[in-house]
C-alpha cells in the first residue's frame, strides 16, 4: 500500500526537529518512531495514531477516527484517522496525542 507523500512531509515537519525521532517503512506504509517506539504511521491517505487503550476508545468519538484494523486484526490502543480531516491543526493535535502517550514508554 502506498502512502500520501504530502502527508508524510507534513508529519515529518512536525516530528523531525524532536530528539529520538526516525521514520521507516512498515505495514506497507511509513512509520514514525520515537526512541524506537512506533508513534504514528501513514496507511494510504490515513494516519494511524498510537494512543493507548483508554485514550483510543475516547478518540473514536472524534471526527474521522475509526478503529484500527490491519488485515482483519483489531489494533487495540490505536486509531486510524481519515486523511480528509487532517488539516494542519488537526494533524498536529493527533501527533501531539501520540507523542504524549509514547513518551510514557521506555525507549527500545
PDB file of N, CA and C in Angstrom:
ATOM      1  N   UNK A   1       0.856  -1.178   0.000  1.00  0.00           N
ATOM      2  CA  UNK A   1       0.000   0.000   0.000  1.00  0.00           C
ATOM      3  C   UNK A   1       0.901   1.240   0.000  1.00  0.00           C
ATOM      4  N   UNK A   2       0.633   2.114  -0.893  1.00  0.00           N
ATOM      5  CA  UNK A   2       1.368   3.385  -0.953  1.00  0.00           C
ATOM      6  C   UNK A   2       0.836   4.319   0.140  1.00  0.00           C
ATOM      7  N   UNK A   3       1.579   5.359   0.404  1.00  0.00           N
ATOM      8  CA  UNK A   3       1.136   6.342   1.381  1.00  0.00           C
ATOM      9  C   UNK A   3       1.221   7.720   0.751  1.00  0.00           C
ATOM     10  N   UNK A   4       0.500   8.652   1.325  1.00  0.00           N
ATOM     11  CA  UNK A   4       0.429  10.021   0.838  1.00  0.00           C
ATOM     12  C   UNK A   4       1.744  10.739   1.155  1.00  0.00           C
ATOM     13  N   UNK A   5       2.519  11.035   0.119  1.00  0.00           N
ATOM     14  CA  UNK A   5       3.823  11.682   0.293  1.00  0.00           C
ATOM     15  C   UNK A   5       3.694  13.078   0.921  1.00  0.00           C
ATOM     16  N   UNK A   6       2.652  13.812   0.545  1.00  0.00           N
ATOM     17  CA  UNK A   6       2.459  15.152   1.110  1.00  0.00           C
ATOM     18  C   UNK A   6       2.167  15.059   2.611  1.00  0.00           C
ATOM     19  N   UNK A   7       1.349  14.085   2.998  1.00  0.00           N
ATOM     20  CA  UNK A   7       1.061  13.883   4.415  1.00  0.00           C
ATOM     21  C   UNK A   7       2.336  13.467   5.144  1.00  0.00           C
ATOM     22  N   UNK A   8       3.146  12.630   4.517  1.00  0.00           N
ATOM     23  CA  UNK A   8       4.412  12.212   5.119  1.00  0.00           C
ATOM     24  C   UNK A   8       5.299  13.423   5.416  1.00  0.00           C
ATOM     25  N   UNK A   9       5.370  14.341   4.491  1.00  0.00           N
ATOM     26  CA  UNK A   9       6.187  15.543   4.703  1.00  0.00           C
ATOM     27  C   UNK A   9       5.632  16.403   5.830  1.00  0.00           C
ATOM     28  N   UNK A  10       4.318  16.492   5.914  1.00  0.00           N
ATOM     29  CA  UNK A  10       3.704  17.284   6.981  1.00  0.00           C
ATOM     30  C   UNK A  10       4.000  16.665   8.346  1.00  0.00           C
ATOM     31  N   UNK A  11       3.901  15.342   8.436  1.00  0.00           N
ATOM     32  CA  UNK A  11       4.211  14.661   9.697  1.00  0.00           C
ATOM     33  C   UNK A  11       5.704  14.812  10.001  1.00  0.00           C
ATOM     34  N   UNK A  12       6.529  14.635   9.005  1.00  0.00           N
ATOM     35  CA  UNK A  12       7.980  14.781   9.184  1.00  0.00           C
ATOM     36  C   UNK A  12       8.318  16.182   9.708  1.00  0.00           C
ATOM     37  N   UNK A  13       7.662  17.199   9.167  1.00  0.00           N
ATOM     38  CA  UNK A  13       7.895  18.569   9.628  1.00  0.00           C
ATOM     39  C   UNK A  13       7.564  18.732  11.114  1.00  0.00           C
ATOM     40  N   UNK A  14       6.543  18.004  11.575  1.00  0.00           N
ATOM     41  CA  UNK A  14       6.154  18.085  12.986  1.00  0.00           C
ATOM     42  C   UNK A  14       7.117  17.316  13.887  1.00  0.00           C
ATOM     43  N   UNK A  15       7.618  16.189  13.408  1.00  0.00           N
ATOM     44  CA  UNK A  15       8.392  15.300  14.266  1.00  0.00           C
ATOM     45  C   UNK A  15       9.905  15.399  14.113  1.00  0.00           C
ATOM     46  N   UNK A  16      10.376  15.728  12.928  1.00  0.00           N
ATOM     47  CA  UNK A  16      11.824  15.693  12.666  1.00  0.00           C
ATOM     48  C   UNK A  16      12.650  16.546  13.616  1.00  0.00           C
ATOM     49  N   UNK A  17      12.175  17.712  14.037  1.00  0.00           N
ATOM     50  CA  UNK A  17      13.006  18.525  14.940  1.00  0.00           C
ATOM     51  C   UNK A  17      13.160  17.931  16.341  1.00  0.00           C
ATOM     52  N   UNK A  18      12.393  16.904  16.658  1.00  0.00           N
ATOM     53  CA  UNK A  18      12.386  16.364  18.013  1.00  0.00           C
ATOM     54  C   UNK A  18      13.438  15.270  18.186  1.00  0.00           C
ATOM     55  N   UNK A  19      14.032  15.175  19.359  1.00  0.00           N
ATOM     56  CA  UNK A  19      15.057  14.150  19.575  1.00  0.00           C
ATOM     57  C   UNK A  19      14.460  12.742  19.553  1.00  0.00           C
ATOM     58  N   UNK A  20      15.238  11.798  19.041  1.00  0.00           N
ATOM     59  CA  UNK A  20      14.847  10.387  19.077  1.00  0.00           C
ATOM     60  C   UNK A  20      13.865   9.959  18.019  1.00  0.00           C
ATOM     61  N   UNK A  21      13.519  10.835  17.072  1.00  0.00           N
ATOM     62  CA  UNK A  21      12.510  10.502  16.054  1.00  0.00           C
ATOM     63  C   UNK A  21      13.193   9.966  14.802  1.00  0.00           C
ATOM     64  N   UNK A  22      12.622   8.886  14.259  1.00  0.00           N
ATOM     65  CA  UNK A  22      13.087   8.315  12.997  1.00  0.00           C
ATOM     66  C   UNK A  22      11.867   7.843  12.221  1.00  0.00           C
ATOM     67  N   UNK A  23      12.078   7.569  10.949  1.00  0.00           N
ATOM     68  CA  UNK A  23      10.978   7.008  10.167  1.00  0.00           C
ATOM     69  C   UNK A  23      11.489   5.805   9.395  1.00  0.00           C
ATOM     70  N   UNK A  24      10.575   4.871   9.122  1.00  0.00           N
ATOM     71  CA  UNK A  24      10.920   3.696   8.330  1.00  0.00           C
ATOM     72  C   UNK A  24       9.665   3.090   7.736  1.00  0.00           C
ATOM     73  N   UNK A  25       9.851   2.363   6.657  1.00  0.00           N
ATOM     74  CA  UNK A  25       8.732   1.710   6.004  1.00  0.00           C
ATOM     75  C   UNK A  25       8.267   0.529   6.859  1.00  0.00           C
ATOM     76  N   UNK A  26       6.968   0.511   7.133  1.00  0.00           N
ATOM     77  CA  UNK A  26       6.339  -0.581   7.890  1.00  0.00           C
ATOM     78  C   UNK A  26       4.888  -0.686   7.455  1.00  0.00           C
ATOM     79  N   UNK A  27       4.325  -1.864   7.586  1.00  0.00           N
ATOM     80  CA  UNK A  27       2.902  -2.086   7.312  1.00  0.00           C
ATOM     81  C   UNK A  27       2.509  -1.652   5.903  1.00  0.00           C
ATOM     82  N   UNK A  28       3.450  -1.620   4.982  1.00  0.00           N
ATOM     83  CA  UNK A  28       3.151  -1.149   3.637  1.00  0.00           C
ATOM     84  C   UNK A  28       3.008   0.363   3.565  1.00  0.00           C
ATOM     85  N   UNK A  29       3.365   1.042   4.635  1.00  0.00           N
ATOM     86  CA  UNK A  29       3.277   2.498   4.681  1.00  0.00           C
ATOM     87  C   UNK A  29       4.568   3.060   5.249  1.00  0.00           C
ATOM     88  N   UNK A  30       4.461   4.182   5.910  1.00  0.00           N
ATOM     89  CA  UNK A  30       5.616   4.832   6.522  1.00  0.00           C
ATOM     90  C   UNK A  30       5.318   5.053   7.994  1.00  0.00           C
ATOM     91  N   UNK A  31       6.220   4.596   8.860  1.00  0.00           N
ATOM     92  CA  UNK A  31       6.039   4.724  10.305  1.00  0.00           C
ATOM     93  C   UNK A  31       7.034   5.731  10.866  1.00  0.00           C
ATOM     94  N   UNK A  32       6.598   6.443  11.881  1.00  0.00           N
ATOM     95  CA  UNK A  32       7.459   7.370  12.613  1.00  0.00           C
ATOM     96  C   UNK A  32       7.604   6.827  14.025  1.00  0.00           C
ATOM     97  N   UNK A  33       8.845   6.699  14.453  1.00  0.00           N
ATOM     98  CA  UNK A  33       9.149   6.139  15.758  1.00  0.00           C
ATOM     99  C   UNK A  33       9.815   7.194  16.636  1.00  0.00           C
ATOM    100  N   UNK A  34       9.549   7.096  17.935  1.00  0.00           N
ATOM    101  CA  UNK A  34      10.196   7.952  18.910  1.00  0.00           C
ATOM    102  C   UNK A  34      10.944   7.047  19.876  1.00  0.00           C
ATOM    103  N   UNK A  35      12.258   7.185  19.917  1.00  0.00           N
ATOM    104  CA  UNK A  35      13.099   6.325  20.748  1.00  0.00           C
ATOM    105  C   UNK A  35      12.793   4.848  20.511  1.00  0.00           C
ATOM    106  N   UNK A  36      12.508   4.502  19.257  1.00  0.00           N
ATOM    107  CA  UNK A  36      12.254   3.118  18.873  1.00  0.00           C
ATOM    108  C   UNK A  36      10.814   2.671  19.021  1.00  0.00           C
ATOM    109  N   UNK A  37       9.952   3.497  19.583  1.00  0.00           N
ATOM    110  CA  UNK A  37       8.537   3.149  19.756  1.00  0.00           C
ATOM    111  C   UNK A  37       7.699   3.744  18.636  1.00  0.00           C
ATOM    112  N   UNK A  38       6.924   2.900  17.987  1.00  0.00           N
ATOM    113  CA  UNK A  38       6.051   3.364  16.922  1.00  0.00           C
ATOM    114  C   UNK A  38       5.079   4.400  17.482  1.00  0.00           C
ATOM    115  N   UNK A  39       5.027   5.563  16.847  1.00  0.00           N
ATOM    116  CA  UNK A  39       4.235   6.688  17.335  1.00  0.00           C
ATOM    117  C   UNK A  39       3.030   6.917  16.429  1.00  0.00           C
ATOM    118  N   UNK A  40       3.275   7.182  15.159  1.00  0.00           N
ATOM    119  CA  UNK A  40       2.229   7.309  14.144  1.00  0.00           C
ATOM    120  C   UNK A  40       2.725   6.631  12.877  1.00  0.00           C
ATOM    121  N   UNK A  41       1.784   6.285  12.004  1.00  0.00           N
ATOM    122  CA  UNK A  41       2.147   5.691  10.720  1.00  0.00           C
ATOM    123  C   UNK A  41       1.164   6.165   9.665  1.00  0.00           C
ATOM    124  N   UNK A  42       1.623   6.179   8.437  1.00  0.00           N
ATOM    125  CA  UNK A  42       0.772   6.545   7.312  1.00  0.00           C
ATOM    126  C   UNK A  42       0.343   5.281   6.611  1.00  0.00           C
ATOM    127  N   UNK A  43      -0.955   5.136   6.440  1.00  0.00           N
ATOM    128  CA  UNK A  43      -1.544   3.994   5.762  1.00  0.00           C
ATOM    129  C   UNK A  43      -2.404   4.548   4.638  1.00  0.00           C
ATOM    130  N   UNK A  44      -1.883   4.570   3.434  1.00  0.00           N
ATOM    131  CA  UNK A  44      -2.589   5.210   2.344  1.00  0.00           C
ATOM    132  C   UNK A  44      -2.685   6.701   2.630  1.00  0.00           C
ATOM    133  N   UNK A  45      -3.900   7.216   2.651  1.00  0.00           N
ATOM    134  CA  UNK A  45      -4.132   8.633   2.950  1.00  0.00           C
ATOM    135  C   UNK A  45      -4.452   8.875   4.423  1.00  0.00           C
ATOM    136  N   UNK A  46      -4.456   7.808   5.215  1.00  0.00           N
ATOM    137  CA  UNK A  46      -4.881   7.898   6.607  1.00  0.00           C
ATOM    138  C   UNK A  46      -3.691   7.904   7.559  1.00  0.00           C
ATOM    139  N   UNK A  47      -3.949   8.355   8.767  1.00  0.00           N
ATOM    140  CA  UNK A  47      -2.941   8.405   9.816  1.00  0.00           C
ATOM    141  C   UNK A  47      -3.304   7.396  10.902  1.00  0.00           C
ATOM    142  N   UNK A  48      -2.370   6.497  11.189  1.00  0.00           N
ATOM    143  CA  UNK A  48      -2.521   5.520  12.267  1.00  0.00           C
ATOM    144  C   UNK A  48      -1.855   6.135  13.495  1.00  0.00           C
ATOM    145  N   UNK A  49      -2.600   6.249  14.594  1.00  0.00           N
ATOM    146  CA  UNK A  49      -2.142   7.002  15.762  1.00  0.00           C
ATOM    147  C   UNK A  49      -2.132   6.097  16.994  1.00  0.00           C
ATOM    148  N   UNK A  50      -1.002   6.057  17.693  1.00  0.00           N
ATOM    149  CA  UNK A  50      -0.867   5.256  18.913  1.00  0.00           C
ATOM    150  C   UNK A  50      -1.259   6.103  20.112  1.00  0.00           C
ATOM    151  N   UNK A  51      -2.284   5.626  20.845  1.00  0.00           N
ATOM    152  CA  UNK A  51      -2.817   6.408  21.956  1.00  0.00           C
ATOM    153  C   UNK A  51      -2.920   5.645  23.263  1.00  0.00           C
ATOM    154  N   UNK A  52      -2.775   4.339  23.238  1.00  0.00           N
ATOM    155  CA  UNK A  52      -3.071   3.528  24.414  1.00  0.00           C
ATOM    156  C   UNK A  52      -4.545   3.188  24.424  1.00  0.00           C
ATOM    157  N   UNK A  53      -4.901   2.117  25.101  1.00  0.00           N
ATOM    158  CA  UNK A  53      -6.281   1.607  25.029  1.00  0.00           C
ATOM    159  C   UNK A  53      -7.343   2.600  25.501  1.00  0.00           C
ATOM    160  N   UNK A  54      -7.137   3.202  26.650  1.00  0.00           N
ATOM    161  CA  UNK A  54      -8.163   4.109  27.182  1.00  0.00           C
ATOM    162  C   UNK A  54      -8.369   5.324  26.285  1.00  0.00           C
ATOM    163  N   UNK A  55      -7.289   5.968  25.915  1.00  0.00           N
ATOM    164  CA  UNK A  55      -7.387   7.164  25.075  1.00  0.00           C
ATOM    165  C   UNK A  55      -7.913   6.822  23.682  1.00  0.00           C
ATOM    166  N   UNK A  56      -7.585   5.637  23.173  1.00  0.00           N
ATOM    167  CA  UNK A  56      -8.066   5.245  21.843  1.00  0.00           C
ATOM    168  C   UNK A  56      -9.589   5.111  21.848  1.00  0.00           C
ATOM    169  N   UNK A  57     -10.122   4.543  22.890  1.00  0.00           N
ATOM    170  CA  UNK A  57     -11.588   4.412  22.979  1.00  0.00           C
ATOM    171  C   UNK A  57     -12.246   5.788  22.959  1.00  0.00           C
ATOM    172  N   UNK A  58     -11.707   6.725  23.721  1.00  0.00           N
ATOM    173  CA  UNK A  58     -12.252   8.076  23.753  1.00  0.00           C
ATOM    174  C   UNK A  58     -12.072   8.770  22.412  1.00  0.00           C
ATOM    175  N   UNK A  59     -10.952   8.528  21.750  1.00  0.00           N
ATOM    176  CA  UNK A  59     -10.638   9.206  20.484  1.00  0.00           C
ATOM    177  C   UNK A  59     -11.591   8.801  19.367  1.00  0.00           C
ATOM    178  N   UNK A  60     -12.225   7.655  19.491  1.00  0.00           N
ATOM    179  CA  UNK A  60     -13.135   7.200  18.438  1.00  0.00           C
ATOM    180  C   UNK A  60     -14.348   8.108  18.278  1.00  0.00           C
ATOM    181  N   UNK A  61     -14.577   9.001  19.222  1.00  0.00           N
ATOM    182  CA  UNK A  61     -15.689   9.946  19.114  1.00  0.00           C
ATOM    183  C   UNK A  61     -15.327  11.168  18.272  1.00  0.00           C
ATOM    184  N   UNK A  62     -14.050  11.317  17.952  1.00  0.00           N
ATOM    185  CA  UNK A  62     -13.582  12.490  17.198  1.00  0.00           C
ATOM    186  C   UNK A  62     -13.840  12.303  15.704  1.00  0.00           C
ATOM    187  N   UNK A  63     -14.044  13.402  14.977  1.00  0.00           N
ATOM    188  CA  UNK A  63     -14.316  13.310  13.540  1.00  0.00           C
ATOM    189  C   UNK A  63     -13.192  12.600  12.784  1.00  0.00           C
ATOM    190  N   UNK A  64     -13.576  11.659  11.936  1.00  0.00           N
ATOM    191  CA  UNK A  64     -12.639  10.946  11.083  1.00  0.00           C
ATOM    192  C   UNK A  64     -11.942   9.776  11.727  1.00  0.00           C
ATOM    193  N   UNK A  65     -12.116   9.574  13.033  1.00  0.00           N
ATOM    194  CA  UNK A  65     -11.441   8.476  13.732  1.00  0.00           C
ATOM    195  C   UNK A  65     -12.259   7.198  13.640  1.00  0.00           C
ATOM    196  N   UNK A  66     -11.549   6.085  13.437  1.00  0.00           N
ATOM    197  CA  UNK A  66     -12.204   4.784  13.408  1.00  0.00           C
ATOM    198  C   UNK A  66     -11.249   3.748  14.003  1.00  0.00           C
ATOM    199  N   UNK A  67     -11.761   2.581  14.383  1.00  0.00           N
ATOM    200  CA  UNK A  67     -10.865   1.556  14.921  1.00  0.00           C
ATOM    201  C   UNK A  67      -9.795   1.181  13.902  1.00  0.00           C
ATOM    202  N   UNK A  68      -8.643   0.852  14.403  1.00  0.00           N
ATOM    203  CA  UNK A  68      -7.515   0.481  13.550  1.00  0.00           C
ATOM    204  C   UNK A  68      -7.561  -1.027  13.323  1.00  0.00           C
ATOM    205  N   UNK A  69      -7.895  -1.420  12.120  1.00  0.00           N
ATOM    206  CA  UNK A  69      -7.989  -2.827  11.731  1.00  0.00           C
ATOM    207  C   UNK A  69      -6.969  -3.064  10.627  1.00  0.00           C
ATOM    208  N   UNK A  70      -5.972  -3.878  10.916  1.00  0.00           N
ATOM    209  CA  UNK A  70      -4.928  -4.176   9.943  1.00  0.00           C
ATOM    210  C   UNK A  70      -5.044  -5.648   9.571  1.00  0.00           C
ATOM    211  N   UNK A  71      -5.436  -5.898   8.347  1.00  0.00           N
ATOM    212  CA  UNK A  71      -5.547  -7.280   7.875  1.00  0.00           C
ATOM    213  C   UNK A  71      -6.509  -8.124   8.688  1.00  0.00           C
ATOM    214  N   UNK A  72      -7.585  -7.529   9.166  1.00  0.00           N
ATOM    215  CA  UNK A  72      -8.572  -8.253   9.954  1.00  0.00           C
ATOM    216  C   UNK A  72      -8.233  -8.342  11.442  1.00  0.00           C
ATOM    217  N   UNK A  73      -7.137  -7.727  11.840  1.00  0.00           N
ATOM    218  CA  UNK A  73      -6.730  -7.738  13.247  1.00  0.00           C
ATOM    219  C   UNK A  73      -6.933  -6.355  13.849  1.00  0.00           C
ATOM    220  N   UNK A  74      -7.757  -6.290  14.882  1.00  0.00           N
ATOM    221  CA  UNK A  74      -8.004  -5.011  15.560  1.00  0.00           C
ATOM    222  C   UNK A  74      -6.788  -4.649  16.400  1.00  0.00           C
ATOM    223  N   UNK A  75      -6.248  -3.464  16.156  1.00  0.00           N
ATOM    224  CA  UNK A  75      -5.076  -2.977  16.881  1.00  0.00           C
ATOM    225  C   UNK A  75      -5.560  -2.120  18.052  1.00  0.00           C
ATOM    226  N   UNK A  76      -5.674  -2.738  19.202  1.00  0.00           N
ATOM    227  CA  UNK A  76      -6.147  -2.018  20.386  1.00  0.00           C
ATOM    228  C   UNK A  76      -5.109  -0.970  20.797  1.00  0.00           C
ATOM    229  N   UNK A  77      -5.604   0.187  21.184  1.00  0.00           N
ATOM    230  CA  UNK A  77      -4.706   1.263  21.577  1.00  0.00           C
ATOM    231  C   UNK A  77      -4.324   2.177  20.425  1.00  0.00           C
ATOM    232  N   UNK A  78      -4.865   1.878  19.258  1.00  0.00           N
ATOM    233  CA  UNK A  78      -4.583   2.651  18.042  1.00  0.00           C
ATOM    234  C   UNK A  78      -5.894   3.090  17.409  1.00  0.00           C
ATOM    235  N   UNK A  79      -5.861   4.187  16.671  1.00  0.00           N
ATOM    236  CA  UNK A  79      -6.988   4.599  15.826  1.00  0.00           C
ATOM    237  C   UNK A  79      -6.444   4.970  14.453  1.00  0.00           C
ATOM    238  N   UNK A  80      -7.297   4.864  13.462  1.00  0.00           N
ATOM    239  CA  UNK A  80      -6.997   5.374  12.130  1.00  0.00           C
ATOM    240  C   UNK A  80      -7.789   6.649  11.949  1.00  0.00           C
ATOM    241  N   UNK A  81      -7.149   7.664  11.430  1.00  0.00           N
ATOM    242  CA  UNK A  81      -7.803   8.948  11.204  1.00  0.00           C
ATOM    243  C   UNK A  81      -7.847   9.192   9.700  1.00  0.00           C
ATOM    244  N   UNK A  82      -9.031   9.455   9.202  1.00  0.00           N
ATOM    245  CA  UNK A  82      -9.238   9.707   7.778  1.00  0.00           C
ATOM    246  C   UNK A  82      -8.429  10.925   7.349  1.00  0.00           C
ATOM    247  N   UNK A  83      -7.657  10.761   6.291  1.00  0.00           N
ATOM    248  CA  UNK A  83      -6.821  11.843   5.786  1.00  0.00           C
ATOM    249  C   UNK A  83      -7.597  13.088   5.404  1.00  0.00           C
ATOM    250  N   UNK A  84      -8.877  12.929   5.083  1.00  0.00           N
ATOM    251  CA  UNK A  84      -9.694  14.074   4.670  1.00  0.00           C
ATOM    252  C   UNK A  84      -9.901  15.088   5.796  1.00  0.00           C
ATOM    253  N   UNK A  85      -9.761  14.666   7.047  1.00  0.00           N
ATOM    254  CA  UNK A  85      -9.980  15.598   8.165  1.00  0.00           C
ATOM    255  C   UNK A  85      -8.676  16.184   8.703  1.00  0.00           C
ATOM    256  N   UNK A  86      -7.544  15.806   8.116  1.00  0.00           N
ATOM    257  CA  UNK A  86      -6.243  16.178   8.670  1.00  0.00           C
ATOM    258  C   UNK A  86      -5.717  17.519   8.164  1.00  0.00           C
ATOM    259  N   UNK A  87      -6.438  18.595   8.510  1.00  0.00           N
ATOM    260  CA  UNK A  87      -5.841  19.905   8.221  1.00  0.00           C
ATOM    261  C   UNK A  87      -4.673  20.080   9.192  1.00  0.00           C
ATOM    262  N   UNK A  88      -3.929  21.147   9.091  1.00  0.00           N
ATOM    263  CA  UNK A  88      -2.695  21.293   9.871  1.00  0.00           C
ATOM    264  C   UNK A  88      -2.928  21.222  11.376  1.00  0.00           C
ATOM    265  N   UNK A  89      -3.948  21.894  11.870  1.00  0.00           N
ATOM    266  CA  UNK A  89      -4.203  21.900  13.314  1.00  0.00           C
ATOM    267  C   UNK A  89      -4.640  20.530  13.811  1.00  0.00           C
ATOM    268  N   UNK A  90      -5.500  19.864  13.053  1.00  0.00           N
ATOM    269  CA  UNK A  90      -5.987  18.535  13.449  1.00  0.00           C
ATOM    270  C   UNK A  90      -4.825  17.540  13.428  1.00  0.00           C
ATOM    271  N   UNK A  91      -4.019  17.573  12.380  1.00  0.00           N
ATOM    272  CA  UNK A  91      -2.862  16.687  12.289  1.00  0.00           C
ATOM    273  C   UNK A  91      -1.920  16.907  13.477  1.00  0.00           C
ATOM    274  N   UNK A  92      -1.611  18.147  13.769  1.00  0.00           N
ATOM    275  CA  UNK A  92      -0.727  18.452  14.894  1.00  0.00           C
ATOM    276  C   UNK A  92      -1.313  17.939  16.213  1.00  0.00           C
ATOM    277  N   UNK A  93      -2.613  18.050  16.366  1.00  0.00           N
ATOM    278  CA  UNK A  93      -3.266  17.559  17.580  1.00  0.00           C
ATOM    279  C   UNK A  93      -3.136  16.053  17.738  1.00  0.00           C
ATOM    280  N   UNK A  94      -3.350  15.311  16.652  1.00  0.00           N
ATOM    281  CA  UNK A  94      -3.211  13.848  16.708  1.00  0.00           C
ATOM    282  C   UNK A  94      -1.762  13.459  16.981  1.00  0.00           C
ATOM    283  N   UNK A  95      -0.833  14.103  16.335  1.00  0.00           N
ATOM    284  CA  UNK A  95       0.587  13.790  16.542  1.00  0.00           C
ATOM    285  C   UNK A  95       0.970  14.093  17.994  1.00  0.00           C
ATOM    286  N   UNK A  96       0.494  15.198  18.547  1.00  0.00           N
ATOM    287  CA  UNK A  96       0.786  15.532  19.942  1.00  0.00           C
ATOM    288  C   UNK A  96       0.215  14.483  20.900  1.00  0.00           C
ATOM    289  N   UNK A  97      -0.998  14.015  20.619  1.00  0.00           N
ATOM    290  CA  UNK A  97      -1.595  12.973  21.469  1.00  0.00           C
ATOM    291  C   UNK A  97      -0.744  11.708  21.440  1.00  0.00           C
ATOM    292  N   UNK A  98      -0.319  11.316  20.247  1.00  0.00           N
ATOM    293  CA  UNK A  98       0.512  10.118  20.120  1.00  0.00           C
ATOM    294  C   UNK A  98       1.838  10.299  20.839  1.00  0.00           C
ATOM    295  N   UNK A  99       2.460  11.451  20.670  1.00  0.00           N
ATOM    296  CA  UNK A  99       3.740  11.719  21.324  1.00  0.00           C
ATOM    297  C   UNK A  99       3.591  11.679  22.845  1.00  0.00           C
ATOM    298  N   UNK A 100       2.500  12.222  23.341  1.00  0.00           N
ATOM    299  CA  UNK A 100       2.274  12.205  24.796  1.00  0.00           C
ATOM    300  C   UNK A 100       2.200  10.775  25.321  1.00  0.00           C
ATOM    301  N   UNK A 101       1.481   9.908  24.606  1.00  0.00           N
ATOM    302  CA  UNK A 101       1.397   8.516  25.051  1.00  0.00           C
ATOM    303  C   UNK A 101       2.747   7.830  24.947  1.00  0.00           C
ATOM    304  N   UNK A 102       3.402   7.950  23.813  1.00  0.00           N
ATOM    305  CA  UNK A 102       4.670   7.251  23.586  1.00  0.00           C
ATOM    306  C   UNK A 102       5.742   7.734  24.567  1.00  0.00           C
ATOM    307  N   UNK A 103       5.644   8.960  25.014  1.00  0.00           N
ATOM    308  CA  UNK A 103       6.633   9.460  25.980  1.00  0.00           C
ATOM    309  C   UNK A 103       6.565   8.715  27.313  1.00  0.00           C
ATOM    310  N   UNK A 104       5.480   7.985  27.564  1.00  0.00           N
ATOM    311  CA  UNK A 104       5.352   7.204  28.793  1.00  0.00           C
ATOM    312  C   UNK A 104       5.999   5.828  28.660  1.00  0.00           C
ATOM    313  N   UNK A 105       6.437   5.458  27.459  1.00  0.00           N
ATOM    314  CA  UNK A 105       7.011   4.136  27.219  1.00  0.00           C
ATOM    315  C   UNK A 105       8.534   4.188  27.335  1.00  0.00           C
ATOM    316  N   UNK A 106       9.133   3.084  27.771  1.00  0.00           N
ATOM    317  CA  UNK A 106      10.594   3.060  27.822  1.00  0.00           C
ATOM    318  C   UNK A 106      11.185   3.014  26.421  1.00  0.00           C
ATOM    319  N   UNK A 107      12.340   3.617  26.200  1.00  0.00           N
ATOM    320  CA  UNK A 107      12.987   3.538  24.882  1.00  0.00           C
ATOM    321  C   UNK A 107      13.321   2.088  24.545  1.00  0.00           C
ATOM    322  N   UNK A 108      13.342   1.813  23.253  1.00  0.00           N
ATOM    323  CA  UNK A 108      13.710   0.460  22.804  1.00  0.00           C
ATOM    324  C   UNK A 108      15.118   0.450  22.304  1.00  0.00           C
TER     325      UNK A 108
END
